[in-house]
Amino acid sequence: MKTVRSDWANTVLVCKKCSKKLDGGFGPKGKTPLAKALRDELGVRKGRKGTLGILEVKCLGICPRGAVTVVTGDAPGDWALVKDGAPMAEVVRDLGLRDGERSQGPDA
């Protein structure tokens, strides 16, 4: 088997269908999809050379009204529902993301 190296410390899966239903819903003007807004907030590059993998995936099957379903790789059992227009700093904090790593508590 062949492998490919990645610089990811964590992975975030964002439901593409939820994002599409909101017509973006995030960022300063409320028109940015959650995946792009997360990348911008955290300053991570797209692709396998970034410190964090933020991937839009097909429907995760939850389909909340006015929110986007998000799953993080370090807590796959806890799916988050990110409300439309939520401040990105709060989203990053609530998901436990900072510089591609899971924060260890409120002071981290």
PDB file of N, CA and C in Angstrom:
ATOM      1  N   MET A   1       0.844  -1.172   0.000  1.00  0.00           N
ATOM      2  CA  MET A   1       0.000   0.000   0.000  1.00  0.00           C
ATOM      3  C   MET A   1       0.890   1.237   0.000  1.00  0.00           C
ATOM      4  N   LYS A   2       0.488   2.218  -0.756  1.00  0.00           N
ATOM      5  CA  LYS A   2       1.196   3.482  -0.849  1.00  0.00           C
ATOM      6  C   LYS A   2       0.493   4.509   0.035  1.00  0.00           C
ATOM      7  N   THR A   3       1.244   5.391   0.667  1.00  0.00           N
ATOM      8  CA  THR A   3       0.654   6.432   1.502  1.00  0.00           C
ATOM      9  C   THR A   3       1.118   7.803   1.042  1.00  0.00           C
ATOM     10  N   VAL A   4       0.376   8.815   1.438  1.00  0.00           N
ATOM     11  CA  VAL A   4       0.703  10.204   1.126  1.00  0.00           C
ATOM     12  C   VAL A   4       0.702  10.966   2.444  1.00  0.00           C
ATOM     13  N   ARG A   5       1.738  11.751   2.682  1.00  0.00           N
ATOM     14  CA  ARG A   5       1.866  12.499   3.927  1.00  0.00           C
ATOM     15  C   ARG A   5       0.959  13.724   3.914  1.00  0.00           C
ATOM     16  N   SER A   6       0.444  14.063   5.078  1.00  0.00           N
ATOM     17  CA  SER A   6      -0.354  15.262   5.272  1.00  0.00           C
ATOM     18  C   SER A   6       0.159  15.983   6.512  1.00  0.00           C
ATOM     19  N   ASP A   7       0.059  17.302   6.530  1.00  0.00           N
ATOM     20  CA  ASP A   7       0.489  18.096   7.684  1.00  0.00           C
ATOM     21  C   ASP A   7      -0.663  18.366   8.653  1.00  0.00           C
ATOM     22  N   TRP A   8      -1.810  17.739   8.443  1.00  0.00           N
ATOM     23  CA  TRP A   8      -2.978  17.982   9.273  1.00  0.00           C
ATOM     24  C   TRP A   8      -2.782  17.472  10.694  1.00  0.00           C
ATOM     25  N   ALA A   9      -3.186  18.287  11.663  1.00  0.00           N
ATOM     26  CA  ALA A   9      -3.224  17.873  13.056  1.00  0.00           C
ATOM     27  C   ALA A   9      -4.640  17.434  13.423  1.00  0.00           C
ATOM     28  N   ASN A  10      -5.617  17.844  12.642  1.00  0.00           N
ATOM     29  CA  ASN A  10      -7.013  17.523  12.902  1.00  0.00           C
ATOM     30  C   ASN A  10      -7.774  17.652  11.588  1.00  0.00           C
ATOM     31  N   THR A  11      -8.996  17.111  11.567  1.00  0.00           N
ATOM     32  CA  THR A  11      -9.849  17.191  10.397  1.00  0.00           C
ATOM     33  C   THR A  11     -11.219  17.715  10.815  1.00  0.00           C
ATOM     34  N   VAL A  12     -11.784  18.611  10.010  1.00  0.00           N
ATOM     35  CA  VAL A  12     -13.120  19.139  10.262  1.00  0.00           C
ATOM     36  C   VAL A  12     -13.959  18.843   9.022  1.00  0.00           C
ATOM     37  N   LEU A  13     -15.070  18.138   9.215  1.00  0.00           N
ATOM     38  CA  LEU A  13     -15.989  17.836   8.123  1.00  0.00           C
ATOM     39  C   LEU A  13     -17.182  18.776   8.231  1.00  0.00           C
ATOM     40  N   VAL A  14     -17.464  19.503   7.150  1.00  0.00           N
ATOM     41  CA  VAL A  14     -18.553  20.474   7.119  1.00  0.00           C
ATOM     42  C   VAL A  14     -19.561  20.006   6.073  1.00  0.00           C
ATOM     43  N   CYS A  15     -20.833  19.927   6.464  1.00  0.00           N
ATOM     44  CA  CYS A  15     -21.878  19.474   5.544  1.00  0.00           C
ATOM     45  C   CYS A  15     -22.098  20.505   4.444  1.00  0.00           C
ATOM     46  N   LYS A  16     -21.856  20.087   3.215  1.00  0.00           N
ATOM     47  CA  LYS A  16     -21.988  20.979   2.062  1.00  0.00           C
ATOM     48  C   LYS A  16     -23.455  21.324   1.779  1.00  0.00           C
ATOM     49  N   LYS A  17     -24.343  20.364   2.015  1.00  0.00           N
ATOM     50  CA  LYS A  17     -25.767  20.598   1.756  1.00  0.00           C
ATOM     51  C   LYS A  17     -26.323  21.645   2.721  1.00  0.00           C
ATOM     52  N   CYS A  18     -25.947  21.561   3.989  1.00  0.00           N
ATOM     53  CA  CYS A  18     -26.385  22.566   4.983  1.00  0.00           C
ATOM     54  C   CYS A  18     -25.876  23.952   4.583  1.00  0.00           C
ATOM     55  N   SER A  19     -24.615  24.029   4.190  1.00  0.00           N
ATOM     56  CA  SER A  19     -24.017  25.307   3.786  1.00  0.00           C
ATOM     57  C   SER A  19     -24.744  25.894   2.590  1.00  0.00           C
ATOM     58  N   LYS A  20     -25.098  25.031   1.644  1.00  0.00           N
ATOM     59  CA  LYS A  20     -25.776  25.488   0.437  1.00  0.00           C
ATOM     60  C   LYS A  20     -27.168  26.023   0.773  1.00  0.00           C
ATOM     61  N   LYS A  21     -27.870  25.380   1.707  1.00  0.00           N
ATOM     62  CA  LYS A  21     -29.205  25.837   2.098  1.00  0.00           C
ATOM     63  C   LYS A  21     -29.170  27.229   2.721  1.00  0.00           C
ATOM     64  N   LEU A  22     -28.058  27.562   3.394  1.00  0.00           N
ATOM     65  CA  LEU A  22     -27.930  28.863   4.045  1.00  0.00           C
ATOM     66  C   LEU A  22     -27.430  29.957   3.102  1.00  0.00           C
ATOM     67  N   ASP A  23     -27.020  29.602   1.888  1.00  0.00           N
ATOM     68  CA  ASP A  23     -26.409  30.564   0.955  1.00  0.00           C
ATOM     69  C   ASP A  23     -25.236  31.273   1.615  1.00  0.00           C
ATOM     70  N   GLY A  24     -24.369  30.509   2.237  1.00  0.00           N
ATOM     71  CA  GLY A  24     -23.213  31.068   2.944  1.00  0.00           C
ATOM     72  C   GLY A  24     -23.540  31.153   4.415  1.00  0.00           C
ATOM     73  N   GLY A  25     -23.992  32.325   4.848  1.00  0.00           N
ATOM     74  CA  GLY A  25     -24.445  32.490   6.217  1.00  0.00           C
ATOM     75  C   GLY A  25     -23.394  32.909   7.222  1.00  0.00           C
ATOM     76  N   PHE A  26     -22.127  32.999   6.818  1.00  0.00           N
ATOM     77  CA  PHE A  26     -21.055  33.327   7.748  1.00  0.00           C
ATOM     78  C   PHE A  26     -20.184  34.430   7.171  1.00  0.00           C
ATOM     79  N   GLY A  27     -19.266  34.929   7.978  1.00  0.00           N
ATOM     80  CA  GLY A  27     -18.384  36.006   7.553  1.00  0.00           C
ATOM     81  C   GLY A  27     -19.028  37.361   7.781  1.00  0.00           C
ATOM     82  N   PRO A  28     -18.292  38.439   7.490  1.00  0.00           N
ATOM     83  CA  PRO A  28     -18.764  39.802   7.767  1.00  0.00           C
ATOM     84  C   PRO A  28     -20.093  40.159   7.090  1.00  0.00           C
ATOM     85  N   LYS A  29     -20.287  39.690   5.858  1.00  0.00           N
ATOM     86  CA  LYS A  29     -21.504  40.012   5.121  1.00  0.00           C
ATOM     87  C   LYS A  29     -22.536  38.894   5.159  1.00  0.00           C
ATOM     88  N   GLY A  30     -22.202  37.781   5.814  1.00  0.00           N
ATOM     89  CA  GLY A  30     -23.132  36.659   5.901  1.00  0.00           C
ATOM     90  C   GLY A  30     -23.295  35.894   4.608  1.00  0.00           C
ATOM     91  N   LYS A  31     -22.311  35.979   3.730  1.00  0.00           N
ATOM     92  CA  LYS A  31     -22.394  35.312   2.426  1.00  0.00           C
ATOM     93  C   LYS A  31     -21.314  34.240   2.231  1.00  0.00           C
ATOM     94  N   THR A  32     -20.489  34.018   3.236  1.00  0.00           N
ATOM     95  CA  THR A  32     -19.373  33.082   3.117  1.00  0.00           C
ATOM     96  C   THR A  32     -19.769  31.715   3.658  1.00  0.00           C
ATOM     97  N   PRO A  33     -19.482  30.632   2.918  1.00  0.00           N
ATOM     98  CA  PRO A  33     -19.743  29.291   3.445  1.00  0.00           C
ATOM     99  C   PRO A  33     -18.893  29.028   4.691  1.00  0.00           C
ATOM    100  N   LEU A  34     -19.382  28.185   5.590  1.00  0.00           N
ATOM    101  CA  LEU A  34     -18.701  27.921   6.853  1.00  0.00           C
ATOM    102  C   LEU A  34     -17.279  27.401   6.656  1.00  0.00           C
ATOM    103  N   ALA A  35     -17.057  26.506   5.712  1.00  0.00           N
ATOM    104  CA  ALA A  35     -15.717  25.949   5.501  1.00  0.00           C
ATOM    105  C   ALA A  35     -14.717  27.052   5.155  1.00  0.00           C
ATOM    106  N   LYS A  36     -15.097  27.953   4.271  1.00  0.00           N
ATOM    107  CA  LYS A  36     -14.196  29.056   3.883  1.00  0.00           C
ATOM    108  C   LYS A  36     -14.000  30.017   5.059  1.00  0.00           C
ATOM    109  N   ALA A  37     -15.064  30.317   5.783  1.00  0.00           N
ATOM    110  CA  ALA A  37     -14.966  31.219   6.929  1.00  0.00           C
ATOM    111  C   ALA A  37     -14.050  30.637   8.007  1.00  0.00           C
ATOM    112  N   LEU A  38     -14.115  29.329   8.224  1.00  0.00           N
ATOM    113  CA  LEU A  38     -13.222  28.673   9.185  1.00  0.00           C
ATOM    114  C   LEU A  38     -11.770  28.769   8.732  1.00  0.00           C
ATOM    115  N   ARG A  39     -11.529  28.506   7.449  1.00  0.00           N
ATOM    116  CA  ARG A  39     -10.167  28.613   6.920  1.00  0.00           C
ATOM    117  C   ARG A  39      -9.620  30.026   7.107  1.00  0.00           C
ATOM    118  N   ASP A  40     -10.449  31.019   6.801  1.00  0.00           N
ATOM    119  CA  ASP A  40     -10.032  32.415   6.943  1.00  0.00           C
ATOM    120  C   ASP A  40      -9.752  32.762   8.401  1.00  0.00           C
ATOM    121  N   GLU A  41     -10.626  32.342   9.299  1.00  0.00           N
ATOM    122  CA  GLU A  41     -10.476  32.651  10.728  1.00  0.00           C
ATOM    123  C   GLU A  41      -9.221  32.016  11.316  1.00  0.00           C
ATOM    124  N   LEU A  42      -8.954  30.769  10.914  1.00  0.00           N
ATOM    125  CA  LEU A  42      -7.805  30.045  11.464  1.00  0.00           C
ATOM    126  C   LEU A  42      -6.525  30.279  10.677  1.00  0.00           C
ATOM    127  N   GLY A  43      -6.655  30.852   9.484  1.00  0.00           N
ATOM    128  CA  GLY A  43      -5.474  31.106   8.664  1.00  0.00           C
ATOM    129  C   GLY A  43      -4.805  29.842   8.158  1.00  0.00           C
ATOM    130  N   VAL A  44      -5.594  28.816   7.856  1.00  0.00           N
ATOM    131  CA  VAL A  44      -5.019  27.569   7.358  1.00  0.00           C
ATOM    132  C   VAL A  44      -5.134  27.501   5.842  1.00  0.00           C
ATOM    133  N   ARG A  45      -4.158  26.835   5.257  1.00  0.00           N
ATOM    134  CA  ARG A  45      -4.152  26.654   3.809  1.00  0.00           C
ATOM    135  C   ARG A  45      -5.077  25.515   3.420  1.00  0.00           C
ATOM    136  N   LYS A  46      -5.511  25.575   2.189  1.00  0.00           N
ATOM    137  CA  LYS A  46      -6.347  24.518   1.643  1.00  0.00           C
ATOM    138  C   LYS A  46      -5.450  23.367   1.197  1.00  0.00           C
ATOM    139  N   GLY A  47      -5.930  22.159   1.313  1.00  0.00           N
ATOM    140  CA  GLY A  47      -5.177  21.003   0.850  1.00  0.00           C
ATOM    141  C   GLY A  47      -4.422  20.295   1.950  1.00  0.00           C
ATOM    142  N   ARG A  48      -3.658  19.294   1.572  1.00  0.00           N
ATOM    143  CA  ARG A  48      -2.985  18.429   2.545  1.00  0.00           C
ATOM    144  C   ARG A  48      -1.780  19.067   3.209  1.00  0.00           C
ATOM    145  N   LYS A  49      -1.330  20.229   2.735  1.00  0.00           N
ATOM    146  CA  LYS A  49      -0.172  20.878   3.342  1.00  0.00           C
ATOM    147  C   LYS A  49      -0.561  21.893   4.408  1.00  0.00           C
ATOM    148  N   GLY A  50      -1.844  22.099   4.636  1.00  0.00           N
ATOM    149  CA  GLY A  50      -2.302  22.974   5.699  1.00  0.00           C
ATOM    150  C   GLY A  50      -2.150  22.286   7.046  1.00  0.00           C
ATOM    151  N   THR A  51      -2.277  23.047   8.125  1.00  0.00           N
ATOM    152  CA  THR A  51      -2.150  22.467   9.466  1.00  0.00           C
ATOM    153  C   THR A  51      -3.433  21.804   9.924  1.00  0.00           C
ATOM    154  N   LEU A  52      -4.530  22.081   9.213  1.00  0.00           N
ATOM    155  CA  LEU A  52      -5.839  21.559   9.574  1.00  0.00           C
ATOM    156  C   LEU A  52      -6.596  21.246   8.307  1.00  0.00           C
ATOM    157  N   GLY A  53      -7.239  20.100   8.250  1.00  0.00           N
ATOM    158  CA  GLY A  53      -8.035  19.739   7.087  1.00  0.00           C
ATOM    159  C   GLY A  53      -9.478  20.142   7.296  1.00  0.00           C
ATOM    160  N   ILE A  54      -9.967  21.089   6.507  1.00  0.00           N
ATOM    161  CA  ILE A  54     -11.365  21.496   6.555  1.00  0.00           C
ATOM    162  C   ILE A  54     -11.990  21.065   5.243  1.00  0.00           C
ATOM    163  N   LEU A  55     -12.856  20.071   5.324  1.00  0.00           N
ATOM    164  CA  LEU A  55     -13.421  19.456   4.131  1.00  0.00           C
ATOM    165  C   LEU A  55     -14.931  19.611   4.092  1.00  0.00           C
ATOM    166  N   GLU A  56     -15.456  19.994   2.932  1.00  0.00           N
ATOM    167  CA  GLU A  56     -16.897  19.979   2.740  1.00  0.00           C
ATOM    168  C   GLU A  56     -17.256  18.588   2.221  1.00  0.00           C
ATOM    169  N   VAL A  57     -18.221  17.969   2.881  1.00  0.00           N
ATOM    170  CA  VAL A  57     -18.645  16.618   2.516  1.00  0.00           C
ATOM    171  C   VAL A  57     -20.118  16.644   2.147  1.00  0.00           C
ATOM    172  N   LYS A  58     -20.567  15.601   1.455  1.00  0.00           N
ATOM    173  CA  LYS A  58     -21.979  15.516   1.100  1.00  0.00           C
ATOM    174  C   LYS A  58     -22.823  15.450   2.366  1.00  0.00           C
ATOM    175  N   CYS A  59     -24.093  15.431   2.214  1.00  0.00           N
ATOM    176  CA  CYS A  59     -25.051  15.488   3.319  1.00  0.00           C
ATOM    177  C   CYS A  59     -24.709  14.497   4.428  1.00  0.00           C
ATOM    178  N   LEU A  60     -24.670  15.009   5.665  1.00  0.00           N
ATOM    179  CA  LEU A  60     -24.403  14.171   6.838  1.00  0.00           C
ATOM    180  C   LEU A  60     -25.692  13.614   7.441  1.00  0.00           C
ATOM    181  N   GLY A  61     -26.843  14.021   6.907  1.00  0.00           N
ATOM    182  CA  GLY A  61     -28.112  13.425   7.297  1.00  0.00           C
ATOM    183  C   GLY A  61     -28.815  14.055   8.486  1.00  0.00           C
ATOM    184  N   ILE A  62     -28.286  15.124   9.044  1.00  0.00           N
ATOM    185  CA  ILE A  62     -28.933  15.774  10.181  1.00  0.00           C
ATOM    186  C   ILE A  62     -29.902  16.858   9.692  1.00  0.00           C
ATOM    187  N   CYS A  63     -29.486  17.686   8.772  1.00  0.00           N
ATOM    188  CA  CYS A  63     -30.288  18.730   8.137  1.00  0.00           C
ATOM    189  C   CYS A  63     -31.012  19.650   9.121  1.00  0.00           C
ATOM    190  N   PRO A  64     -30.252  20.349   9.987  1.00  0.00           N
ATOM    191  CA  PRO A  64     -30.895  21.276  10.929  1.00  0.00           C
ATOM    192  C   PRO A  64     -31.357  22.541  10.223  1.00  0.00           C
ATOM    193  N   ARG A  65     -32.393  23.172  10.742  1.00  0.00           N
ATOM    194  CA  ARG A  65     -32.861  24.436  10.163  1.00  0.00           C
ATOM    195  C   ARG A  65     -31.980  25.566  10.661  1.00  0.00           C
ATOM    196  N   GLY A  66     -31.461  26.367   9.740  1.00  0.00           N
ATOM    197  CA  GLY A  66     -30.680  27.534  10.098  1.00  0.00           C
ATOM    198  C   GLY A  66     -29.330  27.229  10.712  1.00  0.00           C
ATOM    199  N   ALA A  67     -28.760  26.066  10.399  1.00  0.00           N
ATOM    200  CA  ALA A  67     -27.460  25.686  10.958  1.00  0.00           C
ATOM    201  C   ALA A  67     -26.729  24.752  10.000  1.00  0.00           C
ATOM    202  N   VAL A  68     -25.440  24.554  10.280  1.00  0.00           N
ATOM    203  CA  VAL A  68     -24.598  23.660   9.487  1.00  0.00           C
ATOM    204  C   VAL A  68     -24.049  22.583  10.411  1.00  0.00           C
ATOM    205  N   THR A  69     -24.085  21.330   9.958  1.00  0.00           N
ATOM    206  CA  THR A  69     -23.561  20.217  10.738  1.00  0.00           C
ATOM    207  C   THR A  69     -22.056  20.117  10.531  1.00  0.00           C
ATOM    208  N   VAL A  70     -21.309  19.980  11.649  1.00  0.00           N
ATOM    209  CA  VAL A  70     -19.848  19.909  11.612  1.00  0.00           C
ATOM    210  C   VAL A  70     -19.388  18.745  12.492  1.00  0.00           C
ATOM    211  N   VAL A  71     -18.405  17.995  11.985  1.00  0.00           N
ATOM    212  CA  VAL A  71     -17.803  16.897  12.743  1.00  0.00           C
ATOM    213  C   VAL A  71     -16.296  17.123  12.776  1.00  0.00           C
ATOM    214  N   THR A  72     -15.694  17.041  13.961  1.00  0.00           N
ATOM    215  CA  THR A  72     -14.242  17.166  14.062  1.00  0.00           C
ATOM    216  C   THR A  72     -13.634  15.783  14.240  1.00  0.00           C
ATOM    217  N   GLY A  73     -12.440  15.611  13.723  1.00  0.00           N
ATOM    218  CA  GLY A  73     -11.771  14.317  13.767  1.00  0.00           C
ATOM    219  C   GLY A  73     -11.386  13.859  15.155  1.00  0.00           C
ATOM    220  N   ASP A  74     -11.171  14.792  16.078  1.00  0.00           N
ATOM    221  CA  ASP A  74     -10.773  14.377  17.421  1.00  0.00           C
ATOM    222  C   ASP A  74     -11.976  14.140  18.329  1.00  0.00           C
ATOM    223  N   ALA A  75     -13.185  14.463  17.875  1.00  0.00           N
ATOM    224  CA  ALA A  75     -14.400  14.174  18.639  1.00  0.00           C
ATOM    225  C   ALA A  75     -15.501  13.718  17.677  1.00  0.00           C
ATOM    226  N   PRO A  76     -15.293  12.596  16.984  1.00  0.00           N
ATOM    227  CA  PRO A  76     -16.259  12.169  15.976  1.00  0.00           C
ATOM    228  C   PRO A  76     -17.621  11.774  16.536  1.00  0.00           C
ATOM    229  N   GLY A  77     -17.712  11.555  17.835  1.00  0.00           N
ATOM    230  CA  GLY A  77     -18.979  11.195  18.449  1.00  0.00           C
ATOM    231  C   GLY A  77     -19.842  12.389  18.805  1.00  0.00           C
ATOM    232  N   ASP A  78     -19.284  13.594  18.744  1.00  0.00           N
ATOM    233  CA  ASP A  78     -20.009  14.819  19.076  1.00  0.00           C
ATOM    234  C   ASP A  78     -20.128  15.700  17.842  1.00  0.00           C
ATOM    235  N   TRP A  79     -21.288  15.680  17.218  1.00  0.00           N
ATOM    236  CA  TRP A  79     -21.514  16.488  16.024  1.00  0.00           C
ATOM    237  C   TRP A  79     -22.059  17.842  16.440  1.00  0.00           C
ATOM    238  N   ALA A  80     -21.512  18.899  15.880  1.00  0.00           N
ATOM    239  CA  ALA A  80     -21.920  20.260  16.229  1.00  0.00           C
ATOM    240  C   ALA A  80     -22.884  20.805  15.187  1.00  0.00           C
ATOM    241  N   LEU A  81     -23.839  21.593  15.657  1.00  0.00           N
ATOM    242  CA  LEU A  81     -24.756  22.312  14.774  1.00  0.00           C
ATOM    243  C   LEU A  81     -24.432  23.787  14.929  1.00  0.00           C
ATOM    244  N   VAL A  82     -23.775  24.352  13.917  1.00  0.00           N
ATOM    245  CA  VAL A  82     -23.320  25.738  13.959  1.00  0.00           C
ATOM    246  C   VAL A  82     -24.404  26.630  13.369  1.00  0.00           C
ATOM    247  N   LYS A  83     -24.959  27.511  14.198  1.00  0.00           N
ATOM    248  CA  LYS A  83     -26.060  28.377  13.772  1.00  0.00           C
ATOM    249  C   LYS A  83     -25.613  29.408  12.738  1.00  0.00           C
ATOM    250  N   ASP A  84     -26.519  29.702  11.834  1.00  0.00           N
ATOM    251  CA  ASP A  84     -26.329  30.710  10.792  1.00  0.00           C
ATOM    252  C   ASP A  84     -25.901  32.035  11.419  1.00  0.00           C
ATOM    253  N   GLY A  85     -24.811  32.616  10.928  1.00  0.00           N
ATOM    254  CA  GLY A  85     -24.350  33.918  11.397  1.00  0.00           C
ATOM    255  C   GLY A  85     -23.574  33.897  12.702  1.00  0.00           C
ATOM    256  N   ALA A  86     -23.271  32.717  13.235  1.00  0.00           N
ATOM    257  CA  ALA A  86     -22.508  32.641  14.489  1.00  0.00           C
ATOM    258  C   ALA A  86     -21.140  33.292  14.307  1.00  0.00           C
ATOM    259  N   PRO A  87     -20.674  34.062  15.304  1.00  0.00           N
ATOM    260  CA  PRO A  87     -19.344  34.673  15.203  1.00  0.00           C
ATOM    261  C   PRO A  87     -18.263  33.593  15.083  1.00  0.00           C
ATOM    262  N   MET A  88     -17.346  33.776  14.144  1.00  0.00           N
ATOM    263  CA  MET A  88     -16.338  32.754  13.877  1.00  0.00           C
ATOM    264  C   MET A  88     -15.448  32.475  15.091  1.00  0.00           C
ATOM    265  N   ALA A  89     -15.145  33.488  15.892  1.00  0.00           N
ATOM    266  CA  ALA A  89     -14.315  33.272  17.080  1.00  0.00           C
ATOM    267  C   ALA A  89     -15.005  32.301  18.038  1.00  0.00           C
ATOM    268  N   GLU A  90     -16.329  32.417  18.175  1.00  0.00           N
ATOM    269  CA  GLU A  90     -17.082  31.496  19.033  1.00  0.00           C
ATOM    270  C   GLU A  90     -17.120  30.096  18.439  1.00  0.00           C
ATOM    271  N   VAL A  91     -17.292  30.012  17.131  1.00  0.00           N
ATOM    272  CA  VAL A  91     -17.335  28.704  16.459  1.00  0.00           C
ATOM    273  C   VAL A  91     -16.009  27.977  16.668  1.00  0.00           C
ATOM    274  N   VAL A  92     -14.905  28.689  16.451  1.00  0.00           N
ATOM    275  CA  VAL A  92     -13.569  28.098  16.626  1.00  0.00           C
ATOM    276  C   VAL A  92     -13.393  27.627  18.065  1.00  0.00           C
ATOM    277  N   ARG A  93     -13.800  28.466  19.018  1.00  0.00           N
ATOM    278  CA  ARG A  93     -13.681  28.103  20.442  1.00  0.00           C
ATOM    279  C   ARG A  93     -14.552  26.892  20.775  1.00  0.00           C
ATOM    280  N   ASP A  94     -15.811  26.899  20.336  1.00  0.00           N
ATOM    281  CA  ASP A  94     -16.736  25.819  20.653  1.00  0.00           C
ATOM    282  C   ASP A  94     -16.332  24.491  20.014  1.00  0.00           C
ATOM    283  N   LEU A  95     -15.724  24.564  18.829  1.00  0.00           N
ATOM    284  CA  LEU A  95     -15.249  23.338  18.170  1.00  0.00           C
ATOM    285  C   LEU A  95     -13.906  22.886  18.733  1.00  0.00           C
ATOM    286  N   GLY A  96     -13.272  23.740  19.526  1.00  0.00           N
ATOM    287  CA  GLY A  96     -11.983  23.392  20.117  1.00  0.00           C
ATOM    288  C   GLY A  96     -10.841  23.466  19.130  1.00  0.00           C
ATOM    289  N   LEU A  97     -10.938  24.378  18.170  1.00  0.00           N
ATOM    290  CA  LEU A  97      -9.909  24.498  17.137  1.00  0.00           C
ATOM    291  C   LEU A  97      -9.081  25.750  17.349  1.00  0.00           C
ATOM    292  N   ARG A  98      -7.789  25.606  17.257  1.00  0.00           N
ATOM    293  CA  ARG A  98      -6.885  26.757  17.250  1.00  0.00           C
ATOM    294  C   ARG A  98      -5.573  26.266  16.676  1.00  0.00           C
ATOM    295  N   ASP A  99      -5.168  26.844  15.568  1.00  0.00           N
ATOM    296  CA  ASP A  99      -3.919  26.476  14.894  1.00  0.00           C
ATOM    297  C   ASP A  99      -3.870  24.988  14.567  1.00  0.00           C
ATOM    298  N   GLY A 100      -5.023  24.421  14.188  1.00  0.00           N
ATOM    299  CA  GLY A 100      -5.064  23.031  13.767  1.00  0.00           C
ATOM    300  C   GLY A 100      -5.035  22.025  14.897  1.00  0.00           C
ATOM    301  N   GLU A 101      -5.110  22.474  16.149  1.00  0.00           N
ATOM    302  CA  GLU A 101      -5.073  21.535  17.266  1.00  0.00           C
ATOM    303  C   GLU A 101      -6.266  21.742  18.170  1.00  0.00           C
ATOM    304  N   ARG A 102      -6.629  20.728  18.891  1.00  0.00           N
ATOM    305  CA  ARG A 102      -7.733  20.792  19.859  1.00  0.00           C
ATOM    306  C   ARG A 102      -7.240  21.547  21.084  1.00  0.00           C
ATOM    307  N   SER A 103      -8.006  22.543  21.535  1.00  0.00           N
ATOM    308  CA  SER A 103      -7.612  23.263  22.728  1.00  0.00           C
ATOM    309  C   SER A 103      -7.816  22.380  23.953  1.00  0.00           C
ATOM    310  N   GLN A 104      -7.019  22.612  24.993  1.00  0.00           N
ATOM    311  CA  GLN A 104      -7.047  21.775  26.178  1.00  0.00           C
ATOM    312  C   GLN A 104      -7.908  22.349  27.287  1.00  0.00           C
ATOM    313  N   GLY A 105      -8.601  23.429  27.052  1.00  0.00           N
ATOM    314  CA  GLY A 105      -9.451  24.035  28.062  1.00  0.00           C
ATOM    315  C   GLY A 105      -9.659  25.500  27.762  1.00  0.00           C
ATOM    316  N   PRO A 106     -10.342  26.219  28.681  1.00  0.00           N
ATOM    317  CA  PRO A 106     -10.652  27.609  28.413  1.00  0.00           C
ATOM    318  C   PRO A 106      -9.427  28.511  28.332  1.00  0.00           C
ATOM    319  N   ASP A 107      -8.317  28.139  28.950  1.00  0.00           N
ATOM    320  CA  ASP A 107      -7.115  28.969  28.923  1.00  0.00           C
ATOM    321  C   ASP A 107      -6.206  28.657  27.744  1.00  0.00           C
ATOM    322  N   ALA A 108      -6.488  27.577  27.016  1.00  0.00           N
ATOM    323  CA  ALA A 108      -5.607  27.152  25.931  1.00  0.00           C
ATOM    324  C   ALA A 108      -5.855  27.954  24.681  1.00  0.00           C
TER     325      ALA A 108
END
